[in-house]
C-alpha atoms as a PDB file:
ATOM      1  CA  MET A   1       0.886  13.565 -11.249  1.00  0.00           C
ATOM      2  CA  ALA A   2       4.425  12.294 -11.822  1.00  0.00           C
ATOM      3  CA  GLY A   3       5.847  15.576 -10.503  1.00  0.00           C
ATOM      4  CA  ALA A   4       4.288  14.926  -7.082  1.00  0.00           C
ATOM      5  CA  GLU A   5       6.025  11.577  -6.613  1.00  0.00           C
ATOM      6  CA  ARG A   6       8.270  11.126  -3.593  1.00  0.00           C
ATOM      7  CA  THR A   7      11.872  10.363  -4.564  1.00  0.00           C
ATOM      8  CA  VAL A   8      15.045   9.736  -2.583  1.00  0.00           C
ATOM      9  CA  SER A   9      18.578  10.413  -3.749  1.00  0.00           C
ATOM     10  CA  VAL A  10      20.481   7.129  -3.496  1.00  0.00           C
ATOM     11  CA  ARG A  11      23.856   5.910  -4.669  1.00  0.00           C
ATOM     12  CA  TYR A  12      22.422   3.425  -7.131  1.00  0.00           C
ATOM     13  CA  GLU A  13      19.545   5.170  -8.889  1.00  0.00           C
ATOM     14  CA  PRO A  14      16.689   4.488  -9.434  1.00  0.00           C
ATOM     15  CA  LEU A  15      16.172   1.342  -7.324  1.00  0.00           C
ATOM     16  CA  VAL A  16      15.939   2.420  -3.688  1.00  0.00           C
ATOM     17  CA  LEU A  17      15.330  -0.570  -1.410  1.00  0.00           C
ATOM     18  CA  LEU A  18      15.042  -4.349  -1.674  1.00  0.00           C
ATOM     19  CA  GLU A  19      12.528  -4.692   1.131  1.00  0.00           C
ATOM     20  CA  HIS A  20      11.262  -8.250   1.424  1.00  0.00           C
ATOM     21  CA  VAL A  21      11.406 -11.802   0.170  1.00  0.00           C
ATOM     22  CA  ASN A  22       8.144 -13.799   0.148  1.00  0.00           C
ATOM     23  CA  ILE A  23       8.242 -17.585   0.494  1.00  0.00           C
ATOM     24  CA  ASN A  24       5.273 -19.811   1.319  1.00  0.00           C
ATOM     25  CA  ILE A  25       5.547 -22.510   3.974  1.00  0.00           C
ATOM     26  CA  GLU A  26       2.786 -25.035   4.616  1.00  0.00           C
ATOM     27  CA  LYS A  27       2.773 -24.699   8.397  1.00  0.00           C
ATOM     28  CA  TRP A  28       4.656 -22.866  11.122  1.00  0.00           C
ATOM     29  CA  THR A  29       6.241 -25.520  13.349  1.00  0.00           C
ATOM     30  CA  ASP A  30       8.393 -25.241  16.450  1.00  0.00           C
ATOM     31  CA  VAL A  31      11.379 -26.106  14.234  1.00  0.00           C
ATOM     32  CA  GLN A  32      10.555 -23.225  11.899  1.00  0.00           C
ATOM     33  CA  HIS A  33      10.083 -20.795  14.771  1.00  0.00           C
ATOM     34  CA  GLN A  34      13.387 -21.805  16.323  1.00  0.00           C
ATOM     35  CA  PHE A  35      15.269 -21.377  13.045  1.00  0.00           C
ATOM     36  CA  TRP A  36      13.888 -17.972  12.107  1.00  0.00           C
ATOM     37  CA  THR A  37      13.820 -16.334  15.530  1.00  0.00           C
ATOM     38  CA  GLU A  38      16.277 -18.136  17.807  1.00  0.00           C
ATOM     39  CA  VAL A  39      18.964 -19.225  15.339  1.00  0.00           C
ATOM     40  CA  LEU A  40      18.865 -16.345  12.848  1.00  0.00           C
ATOM     41  CA  GLY A  41      17.616 -13.860  15.433  1.00  0.00           C
ATOM     42  CA  GLY A  42      14.749 -12.452  13.388  1.00  0.00           C
ATOM     43  CA  VAL A  43      11.804 -10.853  15.181  1.00  0.00           C
ATOM     44  CA  GLU A  44       8.096 -11.125  14.408  1.00  0.00           C
ATOM     45  CA  ASP A  45       6.698  -7.866  13.068  1.00  0.00           C
ATOM     46  CA  ALA A  46       3.903  -6.312  15.125  1.00  0.00           C
ATOM     47  CA  ARG A  47       1.878  -5.453  11.994  1.00  0.00           C
ATOM     48  CA  THR A  48       1.440  -9.066  10.893  1.00  0.00           C
ATOM     49  CA  GLU A  49      -1.976  -9.804  12.398  1.00  0.00           C
ATOM     50  CA  GLU A  50      -3.591  -6.684  10.931  1.00  0.00           C
ATOM     51  CA  VAL A  51      -2.106  -7.328   7.481  1.00  0.00           C
ATOM     52  CA  LYS A  52      -3.154 -10.987   7.567  1.00  0.00           C
ATOM     53  CA  ASN A  53      -6.750 -10.229   8.516  1.00  0.00           C
ATOM     54  CA  LYS A  54      -7.130  -7.613   5.781  1.00  0.00           C
ATOM     55  CA  ALA A  55      -5.605  -9.885   3.133  1.00  0.00           C
ATOM     56  CA  ILE A  56      -7.757 -12.894   4.026  1.00  0.00           C
ATOM     57  CA  ALA A  57     -10.893 -10.736   4.094  1.00  0.00           C
ATOM     58  CA  ALA A  58      -9.986  -9.474   0.603  1.00  0.00           C
ATOM     59  CA  GLY A  59      -9.721 -13.023  -0.772  1.00  0.00           C
ATOM     60  CA  SER A  60      -6.037 -13.902  -0.417  1.00  0.00           C
ATOM     61  CA  SER A  61      -5.242 -17.587  -0.836  1.00  0.00           C
ATOM     62  CA  TYR A  62      -3.307 -18.079   2.403  1.00  0.00           C
ATOM     63  CA  GLY A  63      -4.655 -19.030   5.829  1.00  0.00           C
ATOM     64  CA  ASP A  64      -2.046 -17.511   8.132  1.00  0.00           C
ATOM     65  CA  LEU A  65       1.028 -15.302   7.950  1.00  0.00           C
ATOM     66  CA  ARG A  66       4.361 -14.546   9.545  1.00  0.00           C
ATOM     67  CA  TRP A  67       6.458 -11.437   8.921  1.00  0.00           C
ATOM     68  CA  ILE A  68      10.013 -11.868  10.203  1.00  0.00           C
ATOM     69  CA  ASP A  69      12.152  -8.717  10.397  1.00  0.00           C
ATOM     70  CA  PHE A  70      15.914  -8.416   9.858  1.00  0.00           C
ATOM     71  CA  GLY A  71      16.948  -4.785  10.170  1.00  0.00           C
ATOM     72  CA  LEU A  72      14.770  -2.770   7.774  1.00  0.00           C
ATOM     73  CA  GLN A  73      14.041  -5.845   5.628  1.00  0.00           C
ATOM     74  CA  GLN A  74      11.677  -8.763   6.044  1.00  0.00           C
ATOM     75  CA  PHE A  75      10.705 -12.240   5.042  1.00  0.00           C
ATOM     76  CA  HIS A  76       6.998 -12.574   4.363  1.00  0.00           C
ATOM     77  CA  ILE A  77       5.929 -16.154   5.036  1.00  0.00           C
ATOM     78  CA  PRO A  78       2.327 -17.010   4.108  1.00  0.00           C
ATOM     79  CA  LEU A  79       1.106 -20.273   5.634  1.00  0.00           C
ATOM     80  CA  ARG A  80      -1.446 -22.835   4.433  1.00  0.00           C
ATOM     81  CA  ASP A  81      -1.666 -21.257   0.984  1.00  0.00           C
ATOM     82  CA  SER A  82      -4.287 -23.056  -1.109  1.00  0.00           C
ATOM     83  CA  VAL A  83      -2.455 -22.327  -4.381  1.00  0.00           C
ATOM     84  CA  CYS A  84       1.170 -23.060  -3.462  1.00  0.00           C
ATOM     85  CA  ALA A  85       1.882 -24.500  -0.022  1.00  0.00           C
ATOM     86  CA  ASN A  86       5.686 -24.598  -0.054  1.00  0.00           C
ATOM     87  CA  GLN A  87       8.287 -22.529  -1.878  1.00  0.00           C
ATOM     88  CA  ARG A  88      12.045 -22.380  -2.081  1.00  0.00           C
ATOM     89  CA  LEU A  89      13.851 -19.378  -3.478  1.00  0.00           C
ATOM     90  CA  ARG A  90      15.957 -20.620  -6.385  1.00  0.00           C
ATOM     91  CA  GLY A  91      19.147 -19.115  -5.134  1.00  0.00           C
ATOM     92  CA  VAL A  92      20.392 -17.705  -1.850  1.00  0.00           C
ATOM     93  CA  THR A  93      19.594 -14.720   0.383  1.00  0.00           C
ATOM     94  CA  CYS A  94      22.473 -12.890   2.048  1.00  0.00           C
ATOM     95  CA  LEU A  95      21.951 -11.536   5.552  1.00  0.00           C
ATOM     96  CA  LEU A  96      24.589  -9.078   6.773  1.00  0.00           C
ATOM     97  CA  TRP A  97      25.859  -9.188  10.359  1.00  0.00           C
ATOM     98  CA  PRO A  98      28.224  -7.140  12.512  1.00  0.00           C
ATOM     99  CA  LEU A  99      31.573  -8.907  12.677  1.00  0.00           C
ATOM    100  CA  SER A 100      31.289  -8.898  16.471  1.00  0.00           C
ATOM    101  CA  SER A 101      28.210 -11.157  16.229  1.00  0.00           C
ATOM    102  CA  ARG A 102      29.888 -14.069  14.474  1.00  0.00           C
ATOM    103  CA  GLU A 103      30.793 -16.140  17.519  1.00  0.00           C
ATOM    104  CA  ARG A 104      27.381 -15.579  19.148  1.00  0.00           C
ATOM    105  CA  LEU A 105      25.709 -16.642  15.932  1.00  0.00           C
ATOM    106  CA  LEU A 106      27.758 -19.825  15.690  1.00  0.00           C
ATOM    107  CA  ASP A 107      27.047 -20.563  19.354  1.00  0.00           C
ATOM    108  CA  ARG A 108      23.301 -20.199  18.828  1.00  0.00           C
ATOM    109  CA  ILE A 109      23.379 -22.497  15.819  1.00  0.00           C
ATOM    110  CA  GLU A 110      25.306 -25.142  17.773  1.00  0.00           C
ATOM    111  CA  LYS A 111      23.052 -24.946  20.846  1.00  0.00           C
ATOM    112  CA  SER A 112      19.897 -25.151  18.738  1.00  0.00           C
ATOM    113  CA  GLY A 113      20.710 -28.693  17.697  1.00  0.00           C
ATOM    114  CA  GLN A 114      19.654 -27.830  14.142  1.00  0.00           C
ATOM    115  CA  ASN A 115      22.186 -29.202  11.694  1.00  0.00           C
ATOM    116  CA  VAL A 116      21.838 -26.282   9.276  1.00  0.00           C
ATOM    117  CA  ILE A 117      25.408 -25.250   8.403  1.00  0.00           C
ATOM    118  CA  VAL A 118      26.426 -26.456   4.929  1.00  0.00           C
ATOM    119  CA  PRO A 119      29.296 -25.818   2.479  1.00  0.00           C
ATOM    120  CA  ASP A 120      28.679 -22.995   0.030  1.00  0.00           C
ATOM    121  CA  TRP A 121      26.602 -24.225  -2.883  1.00  0.00           C
ATOM    122  CA  ILE A 122      28.763 -22.323  -5.388  1.00  0.00           C
ATOM    123  CA  SER A 123      32.343 -23.380  -6.087  1.00  0.00           C
ATOM    124  CA  PRO A 124      34.795 -21.221  -4.112  1.00  0.00           C
ATOM    125  CA  LEU A 125      36.641 -20.634  -7.384  1.00  0.00           C
ATOM    126  CA  THR A 126      33.704 -18.586  -8.695  1.00  0.00           C
ATOM    127  CA  LEU A 127      33.024 -16.589  -5.526  1.00  0.00           C
ATOM    128  CA  PRO A 128      34.820 -13.359  -4.656  1.00  0.00           C
ATOM    129  CA  SER A 129      37.438 -13.681  -1.963  1.00  0.00           C
ATOM    130  CA  SER A 130      36.918 -12.201   1.484  1.00  0.00           C
ATOM    131  CA  PRO A 131      37.421  -8.411   1.292  1.00  0.00           C
ATOM    132  CA  SER A 132      40.029  -8.520   4.041  1.00  0.00           C
ATOM    133  CA  PRO A 133      42.041 -11.208   5.834  1.00  0.00           C
ATOM    134  CA  SER A 134      40.341 -10.023   9.021  1.00  0.00           C
ATOM    135  CA  ILE A 135      36.852 -10.752   7.633  1.00  0.00           C
ATOM    136  CA  PRO A 136      35.913 -14.428   7.916  1.00  0.00           C
ATOM    137  CA  THR A 137      34.250 -16.338   5.119  1.00  0.00           C
ATOM    138  CA  PRO A 138      30.451 -16.399   5.185  1.00  0.00           C
ATOM    139  CA  ILE A 139      28.448 -18.979   7.103  1.00  0.00           C
ATOM    140  CA  CYS A 140      26.065 -20.881   4.833  1.00  0.00           C
ATOM    141  CA  VAL A 141      22.893 -22.356   6.301  1.00  0.00           C
ATOM    142  CA  GLU A 142      19.776 -24.066   5.017  1.00  0.00           C
ATOM    143  CA  GLU A 143      16.349 -23.627   6.577  1.00  0.00           C
ATOM    144  CA  PRO A 144      15.470 -27.083   7.965  1.00  0.00           C
ATOM    145  CA  VAL A 145      12.127 -27.765   6.231  1.00  0.00           C
ATOM    146  CA  MET A 146      12.141 -26.362   2.682  1.00  0.00           C
ATOM    147  CA  LYS A 147      15.944 -25.913   2.572  1.00  0.00           C
ATOM    148  CA  ASN A 148      15.804 -22.221   1.713  1.00  0.00           C
ATOM    149  CA  ARG A 149      19.406 -21.043   1.539  1.00  0.00           C
ATOM    150  CA  PHE A 150      21.119 -18.234   3.434  1.00  0.00           C
ATOM    151  CA  ARG A 151      24.625 -16.837   3.186  1.00  0.00           C
ATOM    152  CA  LEU A 152      25.498 -15.006   6.421  1.00  0.00           C
ATOM    153  CA  GLU A 153      28.145 -12.389   5.640  1.00  0.00           C
ATOM    154  CA  PHE A 154      29.947 -10.064   8.028  1.00  0.00           C
ATOM    155  CA  ASP A 155      30.314  -6.314   7.795  1.00  0.00           C
ATOM    156  CA  SER A 156      33.733  -5.310   6.491  1.00  0.00           C
ATOM    157  CA  SER A 157      33.336  -1.528   6.821  1.00  0.00           C
ATOM    158  CA  PRO A 158      34.901   0.367   9.742  1.00  0.00           C
ATOM    159  CA  PRO A 159      32.428   0.833  12.615  1.00  0.00           C
ATOM    160  CA  HIS A 160      31.227   4.287  13.605  1.00  0.00           C
ATOM    161  CA  SER A 161      32.747   6.111  16.562  1.00  0.00           C
ATOM    162  CA  SER A 162      30.124   4.383  18.697  1.00  0.00           C
ATOM    163  CA  GLY A 163      31.636   1.043  17.659  1.00  0.00           C
ATOM    164  CA  LYS A 164      28.438   0.099  15.821  1.00  0.00           C
ATOM    165  CA  SER A 165      27.955  -0.932  12.207  1.00  0.00           C
ATOM    166  CA  GLU A 166      25.498   0.580   9.745  1.00  0.00           C
ATOM    167  CA  ILE A 167      22.287  -1.259   8.976  1.00  0.00           C
ATOM    168  CA  VAL A 168      21.287  -2.045   5.395  1.00  0.00           C
ATOM    169  CA  ALA A 169      19.309   1.074   4.402  1.00  0.00           C
ATOM    170  CA  PRO A 170      18.647   3.088   1.227  1.00  0.00           C
ATOM    171  CA  VAL A 171      21.277   5.615   2.306  1.00  0.00           C
ATOM    172  CA  GLY A 172      24.463   5.221   4.321  1.00  0.00           C
ATOM    173  CA  GLY A 173      24.952   6.388   7.885  1.00  0.00           C
ATOM    174  CA  VAL A 174      22.032   4.640   9.636  1.00  0.00           C
ATOM    175  CA  VAL A 175      23.678   3.157  12.732  1.00  0.00           C
ATOM    176  CA  HIS A 176      22.681  -0.256  14.065  1.00  0.00           C
ATOM    177  CA  GLY A 177      20.070   0.159  16.794  1.00  0.00           C
ATOM    178  CA  SER A 178      18.998   3.649  15.714  1.00  0.00           C
ATOM    179  CA  ALA A 179      16.171   2.452  13.451  1.00  0.00           C
ATOM    180  CA  HIS A 180      14.080  -0.666  13.197  1.00  0.00           C
ATOM    181  CA  LEU A 181      10.765  -2.064  12.019  1.00  0.00           C
ATOM    182  CA  PRO A 182       7.869  -2.579  14.490  1.00  0.00           C
ATOM    183  CA  GLY A 183       9.263  -5.957  15.546  1.00  0.00           C
ATOM    184  CA  GLY A 184      12.255  -4.279  17.202  1.00  0.00           C
ATOM    185  CA  VAL A 185      16.031  -4.165  16.812  1.00  0.00           C
ATOM    186  CA  THR A 186      17.624  -7.283  15.318  1.00  0.00           C
ATOM    187  CA  GLU A 187      21.206  -8.472  15.568  1.00  0.00           C
ATOM    188  CA  SER A 188      21.347  -8.844  11.789  1.00  0.00           C
ATOM    189  CA  LEU A 189      21.948  -5.646   9.813  1.00  0.00           C
ATOM    190  CA  GLY A 190      19.487  -6.717   7.113  1.00  0.00           C
ATOM    191  CA  ILE A 191      19.276  -8.279   3.654  1.00  0.00           C
ATOM    192  CA  LYS A 192      22.372  -7.342   1.659  1.00  0.00           C
ATOM    193  CA  TYR A 193      21.457  -9.148  -1.548  1.00  0.00           C
ATOM    194  CA  VAL A 194      19.334 -11.848  -3.090  1.00  0.00           C
ATOM    195  CA  GLU A 195      21.198 -14.077  -5.525  1.00  0.00           C
ATOM    196  CA  MET A 196      19.084 -15.852  -8.116  1.00  0.00           C
ATOM    197  CA  TRP A 197      20.463 -18.835  -9.986  1.00  0.00           C
ATOM    198  CA  CYS A 198      19.883 -18.775 -13.735  1.00  0.00           C
ATOM    199  CA  ARG A 199      20.789 -20.828 -16.793  1.00  0.00           C
ATOM    200  CA  LYS A 200      24.061 -20.381 -18.631  1.00  0.00           C
ATOM    201  CA  GLY A 201      24.021 -17.617 -21.202  1.00  0.00           C
ATOM    202  CA  THR A 202      21.249 -15.601 -19.509  1.00  0.00           C
ATOM    203  CA  ALA A 203      22.800 -13.438 -16.738  1.00  0.00           C
ATOM    204  CA  ALA A 204      23.817 -10.482 -18.923  1.00  0.00           C
ATOM    205  CA  ARG A 205      20.502 -10.624 -20.798  1.00  0.00           C
ATOM    206  CA  ILE A 206      18.643 -10.494 -17.480  1.00  0.00           C
ATOM    207  CA  GLY A 207      20.755  -7.523 -16.432  1.00  0.00           C
ATOM    208  CA  SER A 208      19.816  -5.683 -19.612  1.00  0.00           C
ATOM    209  CA  PHE A 209      16.129  -6.074 -18.677  1.00  0.00           C
ATOM    210  CA  TYR A 210      16.671  -3.929 -15.568  1.00  0.00           C
ATOM    211  CA  GLU A 211      18.713  -1.390 -17.511  1.00  0.00           C
ATOM    212  CA  HIS A 212      16.011  -1.079 -20.149  1.00  0.00           C
ATOM    213  CA  LEU A 213      12.943  -1.056 -17.891  1.00  0.00           C
ATOM    214  CA  PHE A 214      14.206   0.931 -14.900  1.00  0.00           C
ATOM    215  CA  GLY A 215      17.450   2.553 -16.037  1.00  0.00           C
ATOM    216  CA  ALA A 216      19.129   0.575 -13.253  1.00  0.00           C
ATOM    217  CA  GLN A 217      22.877   0.340 -12.751  1.00  0.00           C
ATOM    218  CA  VAL A 218      24.015  -3.197 -13.594  1.00  0.00           C
ATOM    219  CA  VAL A 219      27.499  -4.664 -13.238  1.00  0.00           C
ATOM    220  CA  VAL A 220      28.306  -7.744 -15.337  1.00  0.00           C
ATOM    221  CA  SER A 221      31.339  -9.905 -14.630  1.00  0.00           C
ATOM    222  CA  GLU A 222      34.059 -10.229 -17.264  1.00  0.00           C
ATOM    223  CA  ASP A 223      32.948 -13.745 -18.157  1.00  0.00           C
ATOM    224  CA  GLY A 224      29.291 -12.668 -18.321  1.00  0.00           C
ATOM    225  CA  ALA A 225      28.227 -15.289 -15.781  1.00  0.00           C
ATOM    226  CA  LEU A 226      27.135 -12.856 -13.060  1.00  0.00           C
ATOM    227  CA  ALA A 227      24.950  -9.752 -13.382  1.00  0.00           C
ATOM    228  CA  GLU A 228      24.485  -7.559 -10.312  1.00  0.00           C
ATOM    229  CA  VAL A 229      21.598  -5.094 -10.276  1.00  0.00           C
ATOM    230  CA  MET A 230      22.549  -2.337  -7.840  1.00  0.00           C
ATOM    231  CA  ILE A 231      20.014  -1.037  -5.292  1.00  0.00           C
ATOM    232  CA  GLY A 232      20.054   1.864  -2.816  1.00  0.00           C
ATOM    233  CA  SER A 233      23.417   2.274  -1.105  1.00  0.00           C
ATOM    234  CA  VAL A 234      24.706  -1.274  -0.513  1.00  0.00           C
ATOM    235  CA  GLN A 235      22.082  -3.746  -1.749  1.00  0.00           C
ATOM    236  CA  SER A 236      21.847  -5.718  -4.956  1.00  0.00           C
ATOM    237  CA  LEU A 237      19.904  -8.362  -6.818  1.00  0.00           C
ATOM    238  CA  LYS A 238      22.337 -10.833  -8.357  1.00  0.00           C
ATOM    239  CA  TYR A 239      21.843 -13.284 -11.188  1.00  0.00           C
ATOM    240  CA  ARG A 240      24.437 -16.032 -11.222  1.00  0.00           C
ATOM    241  CA  GLU A 241      24.671 -18.646 -13.963  1.00  0.00           C
ATOM    242  CA  VAL A 242      24.822 -22.148 -12.499  1.00  0.00           C
ATOM    243  CA  PRO A 243      25.133 -25.724 -13.772  1.00  0.00           C
ATOM    244  CA  ASP A 244      21.927 -27.594 -14.560  1.00  0.00           C
ATOM    245  CA  SER A 245      22.382 -29.530 -11.300  1.00  0.00           C
ATOM    246  CA  LEU A 246      21.695 -26.332  -9.307  1.00  0.00           C
ATOM    247  CA  TYR A 247      19.078 -24.757 -11.550  1.00  0.00           C
ATOM    248  CA  GLU A 248      15.492 -25.067 -10.280  1.00  0.00           C
ATOM    249  CA  GLU A 249      12.147 -24.335 -11.868  1.00  0.00           C
ATOM    250  CA  TYR A 250      10.247 -21.321 -10.564  1.00  0.00           C
ATOM    251  CA  ASP A 251       7.618 -21.970  -7.872  1.00  0.00           C
ATOM    252  CA  GLY A 252       6.091 -18.525  -7.293  1.00  0.00           C
ATOM    253  CA  HIS A 253       8.199 -16.855  -4.573  1.00  0.00           C
ATOM    254  CA  HIS A 254       8.612 -13.111  -4.923  1.00  0.00           C
ATOM    255  CA  ILE A 255      10.599 -10.045  -3.905  1.00  0.00           C
ATOM    256  CA  ALA A 256       9.558  -6.430  -3.226  1.00  0.00           C
ATOM    257  CA  ILE A 257      11.519  -3.372  -4.360  1.00  0.00           C
ATOM    258  CA  TYR A 258      10.891   0.343  -3.796  1.00  0.00           C
ATOM    259  CA  ILE A 259      11.819   2.607  -6.690  1.00  0.00           C
ATOM    260  CA  ASN A 260      12.117   6.231  -7.715  1.00  0.00           C
ATOM    261  CA  HIS A 261      10.089   7.378 -10.752  1.00  0.00           C
ATOM    262  CA  PHE A 262       7.390   4.787 -10.138  1.00  0.00           C
ATOM    263  CA  GLU A 263       4.913   6.063 -12.717  1.00  0.00           C
ATOM    264  CA  GLU A 264       7.511   6.215 -15.477  1.00  0.00           C
ATOM    265  CA  ALA A 265       8.474   2.600 -14.754  1.00  0.00           C
ATOM    266  CA  TYR A 266       4.816   1.564 -14.825  1.00  0.00           C
ATOM    267  CA  ASP A 267       4.291   3.267 -18.177  1.00  0.00           C
ATOM    268  CA  ARG A 268       7.242   1.404 -19.715  1.00  0.00           C
ATOM    269  CA  ALA A 269       6.197  -1.936 -18.186  1.00  0.00           C
ATOM    270  CA  ALA A 270       2.597  -1.529 -19.374  1.00  0.00           C
ATOM    271  CA  LYS A 271       3.676  -0.576 -22.896  1.00  0.00           C
ATOM    272  CA  LEU A 272       5.837  -3.698 -23.086  1.00  0.00           C
ATOM    273  CA  GLY A 273       3.114  -5.940 -21.660  1.00  0.00           C
ATOM    274  CA  TYR A 274       5.073  -6.833 -18.525  1.00  0.00           C
ATOM    275  CA  VAL A 275       2.533  -5.864 -15.838  1.00  0.00           C
ATOM    276  CA  TYR A 276       1.295  -8.925 -13.952  1.00  0.00           C
ATOM    277  CA  SER A 277      -1.516  -9.442 -11.450  1.00  0.00           C
ATOM    278  CA  ASN A 278      -1.096 -12.376  -9.094  1.00  0.00           C
ATOM    279  CA  PRO A 279      -4.454 -14.176  -8.614  1.00  0.00           C
ATOM    280  CA  ARG A 280      -3.421 -14.995  -5.049  1.00  0.00           C
ATOM    281  CA  TYR A 281      -3.813 -11.277  -4.209  1.00  0.00           C
ATOM    282  CA  PRO A 282      -7.056 -10.168  -5.893  1.00  0.00           C
ATOM    283  CA  ASN A 283      -7.152  -6.973  -3.832  1.00  0.00           C
ATOM    284  CA  LEU A 284      -3.841  -5.898  -5.424  1.00  0.00           C
ATOM    285  CA  ALA A 285      -4.744  -6.556  -9.060  1.00  0.00           C
ATOM    286  CA  VAL A 286      -3.498  -3.834 -11.433  1.00  0.00           C
ATOM    287  CA  HIS A 287      -5.243  -3.425 -14.791  1.00  0.00           C
ATOM    288  CA  THR A 288      -4.670   0.286 -15.381  1.00  0.00           C
ATOM    289  CA  LYS A 289      -2.277   3.047 -14.405  1.00  0.00           C
ATOM    290  CA  GLU A 290      -4.969   4.365 -12.086  1.00  0.00           C
ATOM    291  CA  ASP A 291      -4.899   1.018 -10.242  1.00  0.00           C
ATOM    292  CA  ALA A 292      -1.123   1.203  -9.879  1.00  0.00           C
ATOM    293  CA  VAL A 293      -1.196   4.771  -8.591  1.00  0.00           C
ATOM    294  CA  ARG A 294      -4.012   3.980  -6.154  1.00  0.00           C
ATOM    295  CA  LEU A 295      -2.317   0.861  -4.801  1.00  0.00           C
ATOM    296  CA  LYS A 296       1.152   2.441  -5.023  1.00  0.00           C
ATOM    297  CA  GLU A 297       2.469  -0.769  -6.557  1.00  0.00           C
ATOM    298  CA  PHE A 298       2.410  -3.083  -9.558  1.00  0.00           C
ATOM    299  CA  ARG A 299       3.920  -6.492 -10.281  1.00  0.00           C
ATOM    300  CA  LEU A 300       6.170  -8.073 -12.883  1.00  0.00           C
ATOM    301  CA  LEU A 301       6.706 -11.787 -13.521  1.00  0.00           C
ATOM    302  CA  ASP A 302       8.535 -12.445 -16.789  1.00  0.00           C
ATOM    303  CA  ILE A 303      12.074 -11.148 -17.330  1.00  0.00           C
ATOM    304  CA  CYS A 304      12.623 -10.706 -21.055  1.00  0.00           C
ATOM    305  CA  ASP A 305      15.669  -9.916 -23.154  1.00  0.00           C
ATOM    306  CA  PRO A 306      14.922  -6.387 -24.441  1.00  0.00           C
ATOM    307  CA  ALA A 307      16.850  -7.084 -27.651  1.00  0.00           C
ATOM    308  CA  THR A 308      14.747 -10.095 -28.664  1.00  0.00           C
ATOM    309  CA  GLY A 309      11.660 -10.097 -26.428  1.00  0.00           C
ATOM    310  CA  GLU A 310      12.494 -13.664 -25.365  1.00  0.00           C
ATOM    311  CA  LYS A 311      11.560 -14.668 -21.817  1.00  0.00           C
ATOM    312  CA  VAL A 312      14.780 -15.703 -20.074  1.00  0.00           C
ATOM    313  CA  PHE A 313      13.732 -15.906 -16.400  1.00  0.00           C
ATOM    314  CA  GLN A 314      10.751 -15.628 -14.075  1.00  0.00           C
ATOM    315  CA  LEU A 315      10.673 -13.884 -10.721  1.00  0.00           C
ATOM    316  CA  GLU A 316       7.670 -12.031  -9.404  1.00  0.00           C
ATOM    317  CA  HIS A 317       8.602  -8.468  -8.441  1.00  0.00           C
ATOM    318  CA  GLU A 318       6.355  -6.323  -6.276  1.00  0.00           C
ATOM    319  CA  ILE A 319       7.345  -2.848  -7.482  1.00  0.00           C
ATOM    320  CA  ARG A 320       6.386  -0.152  -4.976  1.00  0.00           C
ATOM    321  CA  ALA A 321       6.297   3.630  -5.021  1.00  0.00           C
ATOM    322  CA  LEU A 322       8.026   5.487  -2.195  1.00  0.00           C
ATOM    323  CA  SER A 323       4.577   6.754  -1.144  1.00  0.00           C
ATOM    324  CA  HIS A 324       3.625   3.175  -0.222  1.00  0.00           C
ATOM    325  CA  PRO A 325       3.038   2.982   3.564  1.00  0.00           C
ATOM    326  CA  GLY A 326       5.591   0.189   3.865  1.00  0.00           C
ATOM    327  CA  PHE A 327       8.403   2.623   3.036  1.00  0.00           C
ATOM    328  CA  GLU A 328       7.695   4.932   5.967  1.00  0.00           C
ATOM    329  CA  GLN A 329      10.224   3.419   8.375  1.00  0.00           C
ATOM    330  CA  ALA A 330      13.066   3.763   5.865  1.00  0.00           C
ATOM    331  CA  ALA A 331      11.868   7.299   5.117  1.00  0.00           C
ATOM    332  CA  LYS A 332      12.163   8.189   8.801  1.00  0.00           C
ATOM    333  CA  CYS A 333      15.806   7.061   8.742  1.00  0.00           C
ATOM    334  CA  ILE A 334      16.502   9.223   5.721  1.00  0.00           C
ATOM    335  CA  ARG A 335      14.763  12.263   7.215  1.00  0.00           C
ATOM    336  CA  SER A 336      16.708  11.937  10.452  1.00  0.00           C
ATOM    337  CA  LEU A 337      20.013  11.950   8.541  1.00  0.00           C
ATOM    338  CA  THR A 338      19.190  14.803   6.199  1.00  0.00           C
ATOM    339  CA  SER A 339      17.793  16.978   9.005  1.00  0.00           C
ATOM    340  CA  ALA A 340      20.770  16.419  11.318  1.00  0.00           C
END
């Protein structure tokens, strides 16, 4: 069965695409709608209603749903969840933008009247400098209700001959505007990275978890305070050690990642006892390998140091095979490039 798995050759094997971040919000207000769609320029995905109805019918704990697209990535925002009404990612999500969009973005933020721009939460001394004097520093914003954090960075790579940037995709060369999710083209190029904030002394140990379980490529800073798990062509999942004043307890938010060699990863996770079924999604419970293959996904929750078995962090991961229907749009991009 493993030989029939779909795989994609990517720069950073075997993790292919960081596809969505899931955060619960109690209710969708006009303020929320303005922030996500007018300020950040996300678009509502056309599949949302169908997905919501199926999930609720199958026993999901939420009462409504929004999917907001940014390039080929999304934020999944369940509403009125009976288990956990509000969530805040304990870190920051980076959205990438064309450099030419910076002034329009700042103008939209100003005209919205939402006072969302904030200083960066991390000391400038510990952040990498701008890659070029011509690339401005990121814009940092906080979502107005739950204060979810966003770092808006600007594309530093040379544009294509068309003058357009590349979107965040599993492979390079996908030009902005040439591919999009069912919501439509967005000004943002997509989610570049998610940065999780962890306790001191844990970043490198967290990185080793991904090396051991997936065979992922992980870059650890010289001081050991930052581990970057590389994904696809330009994405990453970062773990940055922070002072206790910034560290937050886990509240159940999750991320979704598509991977090569899905069944091998499941076998390792199951052997180590890492497979997790979230009771909020009873229709997606995985108890056996057959369940994982049928659903084309499984979940992880605890991140453990492979050397000691000690739990050092929690973050629910929705691990998906490339045969999962959600990967089809990215697959179309890849096929169009390889067939050109």
